[in-house]
Amino acid sequence: MAVPSADSAEIRVLASIALKGAYLELAPRFERASGARLATEWAGTGPIMERMQGGESADLVIGPAKLIDQLIALGKIVPGSRADIARSGIGVAVQRGAPRPDLGSADALKRALLLAKSIAYSSGPSGVYLAGLFRQMGIAEELRPKVTQTPPGTFVGELVARGEAEIGFQQVAELFHVGGAIDFVGRLPPEIQQITVFSGGIHAGAKAPGAARALLRFLTGPDAAEVIRRKGMEPG
């Protein structure tokens, strides 16, 4: 595995949980090959923006591409440093062994949602999209009493596994991260699917910018692609 040397630096990473499954598998490989040590914190999209606007620093920030672009515009991320790591669609999960909703079409999903007793989705990009989708479908008000929107940085699959939500929606990779405690039903029908690009960018105040760039090259390179696919995403 060809990994650029990071000169034994500590690399501070602030990252979206959407990439956690792939990252946790890839991080030890990078550390062994580069000699660097990764100090990683996980947060939702909103909290990452709040922390950056509050003056917090990092070496590498990973999150939705839209967030990285906003941070570039705010002067928090180095212009030209954005690199796309992975693309993820929205998936659907139920408790292990529970009946599976029909995902064959938008209309079939709409019927399943109206019949469901409880629904959960995230506070991240997928949740924002779903809230708008339900309004477009004309069912937002009917669903409101049975919808739970999880706090930032929470895996929706954990609620589904505990029986707190009959149907859960989140980025596919985040549902995969919960694993066998839930049944992954599938992705949203193509006509209503939303793809989110997750990217990394070098923080303007990075203490180890060279090492952070080496990590970003690794995460966007061919050695990472197989892991990213296995975790339910497509390389960026």
Protein backbone atom coordinates (compact mmCIF):
# COMPACT_ATOMS: atom_id res chain seq x y z
CA MET A 1 0.00 0.00 0.00
CA ALA A 2 1.54 3.30 -1.08
CA VAL A 3 0.95 5.86 1.66
CA PRO A 4 2.89 9.15 1.74
CA SER A 5 4.94 9.68 4.87
CA ALA A 6 3.25 11.93 7.41
CA ASP A 7 6.47 12.47 9.38
CA SER A 8 5.12 10.89 12.59
CA ALA A 9 2.73 13.81 13.05
CA GLU A 10 -0.48 13.83 15.05
CA ILE A 11 -3.33 14.65 12.69
CA ARG A 12 -6.43 16.15 14.28
CA VAL A 13 -9.53 15.17 12.33
CA LEU A 14 -13.09 16.41 12.81
CA ALA A 15 -15.40 14.15 10.81
CA SER A 16 -19.02 13.36 9.99
CA ILE A 17 -20.26 10.02 11.32
CA ALA A 18 -21.41 9.07 7.81
CA LEU A 19 -17.87 7.90 7.01
CA LYS A 20 -17.19 6.33 10.40
CA GLY A 21 -17.46 2.70 9.30
CA ALA A 22 -14.99 3.03 6.43
CA TYR A 23 -12.72 5.43 8.31
CA LEU A 24 -12.31 3.16 11.34
CA GLU A 25 -11.12 0.37 9.07
CA LEU A 26 -8.82 2.60 7.01
CA ALA A 27 -7.31 4.68 9.83
CA PRO A 28 -5.07 1.94 11.32
CA ARG A 29 -3.73 1.15 7.85
CA PHE A 30 -2.77 4.76 7.33
CA GLU A 31 -1.18 5.03 10.76
CA ARG A 32 0.93 1.92 10.24
CA ALA A 33 2.06 2.96 6.77
CA SER A 34 2.68 6.64 7.47
CA GLY A 35 3.89 6.73 11.06
CA ALA A 36 1.26 9.35 11.88
CA ARG A 37 -1.25 9.21 14.72
CA LEU A 38 -4.86 10.16 14.09
CA ALA A 39 -6.81 12.01 16.76
CA THR A 40 -10.37 11.89 15.44
CA GLU A 41 -13.59 13.40 16.75
CA TRP A 42 -17.03 12.63 15.32
CA ALA A 43 -19.85 15.13 14.99
CA GLY A 44 -22.96 15.94 12.98
CA THR A 45 -23.01 18.50 10.20
CA GLY A 46 -24.53 21.28 12.31
CA PRO A 47 -22.13 20.86 15.24
CA ILE A 48 -19.13 20.80 12.87
CA MET A 49 -20.19 24.17 11.45
CA GLU A 50 -20.80 25.55 14.94
CA ARG A 51 -17.40 24.42 16.16
CA MET A 52 -15.63 25.88 13.15
CA GLN A 53 -17.47 29.19 13.46
CA GLY A 54 -16.62 29.18 17.16
CA GLY A 55 -12.92 29.26 16.33
CA GLU A 56 -12.03 25.60 16.87
CA SER A 57 -9.14 24.29 14.83
CA ALA A 58 -8.30 20.93 13.27
CA ASP A 59 -5.98 19.62 10.59
CA LEU A 60 -8.57 17.88 8.41
CA VAL A 61 -12.33 18.42 8.35
CA ILE A 62 -14.55 15.77 6.75
CA GLY A 63 -18.23 16.30 6.04
CA PRO A 64 -20.80 16.87 3.30
CA ALA A 65 -19.31 18.68 0.31
CA LYS A 66 -21.77 21.54 0.82
CA LEU A 67 -20.44 22.04 4.35
CA ILE A 68 -16.81 22.02 3.17
CA ASP A 69 -17.66 24.61 0.50
CA GLN A 70 -19.34 26.80 3.11
CA LEU A 71 -16.27 26.55 5.34
CA ILE A 72 -14.05 27.51 2.41
CA ALA A 73 -16.22 30.60 1.83
CA LEU A 74 -15.87 31.46 5.54
CA GLY A 75 -12.09 31.18 5.37
CA LYS A 76 -12.00 28.13 7.65
CA ILE A 77 -10.84 25.63 5.00
CA VAL A 78 -7.94 26.23 2.60
CA PRO A 79 -9.27 27.06 -0.90
CA GLY A 80 -8.48 24.33 -3.39
CA SER A 81 -7.94 21.69 -0.70
CA ARG A 82 -11.37 20.04 -0.97
CA ALA A 83 -11.22 16.42 -2.13
CA ASP A 84 -14.29 14.21 -2.53
CA ILE A 85 -14.03 10.94 -0.56
CA ALA A 86 -17.34 9.13 -1.02
CA ARG A 87 -20.91 9.38 -2.30
CA SER A 88 -23.78 7.98 -0.29
CA GLY A 89 -27.47 7.46 -0.91
CA ILE A 90 -30.25 7.22 1.66
CA GLY A 91 -31.21 3.79 2.93
CA VAL A 92 -34.08 2.23 4.85
CA ALA A 93 -33.89 -0.17 7.79
CA VAL A 94 -36.22 -2.07 10.11
CA GLN A 95 -35.69 -4.02 13.31
CA ARG A 96 -34.16 -7.41 12.72
CA GLY A 97 -36.83 -9.87 11.58
CA ALA A 98 -39.56 -7.23 11.20
CA PRO A 99 -41.71 -6.95 8.05
CA ARG A 100 -39.97 -5.01 5.31
CA PRO A 101 -41.65 -2.04 3.61
CA ASP A 102 -42.03 -2.06 -0.16
CA LEU A 103 -39.38 0.19 -1.75
CA GLY A 104 -40.39 -0.60 -5.32
CA SER A 105 -41.64 2.91 -6.03
CA ALA A 106 -42.26 6.28 -4.41
CA ASP A 107 -45.97 5.45 -4.12
CA ALA A 108 -45.21 2.13 -2.42
CA LEU A 109 -42.96 3.86 0.10
CA LYS A 110 -45.64 6.50 0.73
CA ARG A 111 -48.16 3.78 1.57
CA ALA A 112 -45.69 2.09 3.91
CA LEU A 113 -45.00 5.34 5.73
CA LEU A 114 -48.69 6.04 6.26
CA LEU A 115 -49.14 2.55 7.73
CA ALA A 116 -46.03 2.70 9.94
CA LYS A 117 -46.46 3.35 13.66
CA SER A 118 -43.12 5.14 14.10
CA ILE A 119 -40.46 6.60 11.81
CA ALA A 120 -36.98 7.98 12.47
CA TYR A 121 -34.53 9.96 10.39
CA SER A 122 -31.41 11.97 11.11
CA SER A 123 -30.65 15.65 11.63
CA GLY A 124 -28.05 15.53 8.84
CA PRO A 125 -28.42 16.01 5.08
CA SER A 126 -30.58 12.89 4.66
CA GLY A 127 -33.02 14.06 7.33
CA VAL A 128 -33.28 17.54 5.83
CA TYR A 129 -34.01 15.98 2.45
CA LEU A 130 -36.62 13.56 3.84
CA ALA A 131 -38.50 16.30 5.64
CA GLY A 132 -38.81 18.11 2.33
CA LEU A 133 -39.71 14.91 0.49
CA PHE A 134 -42.54 14.16 2.90
CA ARG A 135 -43.89 17.67 2.35
CA GLN A 136 -43.75 17.13 -1.43
CA MET A 137 -45.60 13.85 -0.99
CA GLY A 138 -48.30 15.68 0.95
CA ILE A 139 -47.94 13.45 4.03
CA ALA A 140 -45.78 15.58 6.34
CA GLU A 141 -48.64 16.51 8.67
CA GLU A 142 -49.93 12.94 8.90
CA LEU A 143 -46.46 11.65 9.70
CA ARG A 144 -45.51 14.39 12.18
CA PRO A 145 -46.87 12.67 15.35
CA LYS A 146 -44.92 9.50 14.67
CA VAL A 147 -41.62 10.95 13.38
CA THR A 148 -38.48 11.17 15.52
CA GLN A 149 -35.58 13.25 14.24
CA THR A 150 -32.45 12.06 15.99
CA PRO A 151 -29.89 14.46 17.52
CA PRO A 152 -26.75 15.23 15.47
CA GLY A 153 -24.17 12.44 15.52
CA THR A 154 -26.71 9.70 16.30
CA PHE A 155 -27.09 6.48 14.34
CA VAL A 156 -30.76 6.05 13.42
CA GLY A 157 -30.22 2.30 13.25
CA GLU A 158 -29.69 2.22 17.00
CA LEU A 159 -33.25 3.47 17.56
CA VAL A 160 -34.55 0.91 15.08
CA ALA A 161 -32.62 -1.86 16.82
CA ARG A 162 -34.21 -0.93 20.17
CA GLY A 163 -37.69 -0.91 18.65
CA GLU A 164 -38.08 2.84 19.08
CA ALA A 165 -38.74 3.29 15.35
CA GLU A 166 -40.48 0.87 13.00
CA ILE A 167 -38.79 2.36 9.92
CA GLY A 168 -35.48 4.22 9.94
CA PHE A 169 -33.86 6.37 7.27
CA GLN A 170 -30.23 7.47 7.11
CA GLN A 171 -27.19 7.42 4.85
CA VAL A 172 -26.63 3.80 3.79
CA ALA A 173 -23.15 3.74 5.35
CA GLU A 174 -24.55 4.86 8.70
CA LEU A 175 -27.13 2.08 8.66
CA PHE A 176 -24.42 -0.42 7.73
CA HIS A 177 -22.41 0.76 10.74
CA VAL A 178 -25.09 -0.54 13.11
CA GLY A 179 -24.81 -3.95 11.48
CA GLY A 180 -26.74 -7.10 12.36
CA ALA A 181 -28.98 -5.51 14.98
CA ILE A 182 -31.15 -4.24 12.13
CA ASP A 183 -32.24 -5.42 8.71
CA PHE A 184 -31.18 -3.17 5.87
CA VAL A 185 -34.16 -3.10 3.51
CA GLY A 186 -32.56 -1.18 0.67
CA ARG A 187 -32.10 2.26 -0.83
CA LEU A 188 -34.80 4.79 -1.63
CA PRO A 189 -36.40 4.29 -5.03
CA PRO A 190 -34.28 5.93 -7.77
CA GLU A 191 -36.89 8.59 -8.57
CA ILE A 192 -36.68 10.00 -5.04
CA GLN A 193 -33.10 9.13 -4.11
CA GLN A 194 -30.72 11.83 -2.89
CA ILE A 195 -26.96 11.38 -3.18
CA THR A 196 -24.70 13.22 -0.74
CA VAL A 197 -21.01 13.73 -1.50
CA PHE A 198 -18.69 13.61 1.52
CA SER A 199 -15.44 15.53 1.21
CA GLY A 200 -12.40 16.54 3.19
CA GLY A 201 -10.62 19.87 3.41
CA ILE A 202 -7.49 21.19 5.12
CA HIS A 203 -8.24 23.60 7.94
CA ALA A 204 -6.80 27.08 7.52
CA GLY A 205 -5.25 26.82 10.99
CA ALA A 206 -3.89 23.28 10.61
CA LYS A 207 -0.76 22.52 12.62
CA ALA A 208 0.08 19.52 10.44
CA PRO A 209 -1.19 20.48 6.96
CA GLY A 210 1.24 18.24 5.08
CA ALA A 211 0.27 15.18 7.09
CA ALA A 212 -3.43 16.06 6.69
CA ARG A 213 -2.97 16.23 2.93
CA ALA A 214 -1.30 12.81 2.99
CA LEU A 215 -4.31 11.40 4.87
CA LEU A 216 -6.73 13.00 2.42
CA ARG A 217 -4.81 11.57 -0.55
CA PHE A 218 -5.02 8.14 1.09
CA LEU A 219 -8.77 8.41 1.74
CA THR A 220 -9.38 9.36 -1.89
CA GLY A 221 -6.97 6.82 -3.34
CA PRO A 222 -7.45 3.34 -4.82
CA ASP A 223 -6.55 1.51 -1.60
CA ALA A 224 -9.52 3.12 0.18
CA ALA A 225 -12.02 2.55 -2.64
CA GLU A 226 -12.72 -1.13 -1.85
CA VAL A 227 -13.45 -0.38 1.80
CA ILE A 228 -15.69 2.54 0.92
CA ARG A 229 -17.74 0.34 -1.41
CA ARG A 230 -18.01 -2.44 1.16
CA LYS A 231 -19.39 0.05 3.67
CA GLY A 232 -22.29 1.02 1.39
CA MET A 233 -20.89 4.01 -0.47
CA GLU A 234 -19.17 4.78 -3.76
CA PRO A 235 -15.73 6.41 -3.94
CA GLY A 236 -16.00 10.16 -4.41
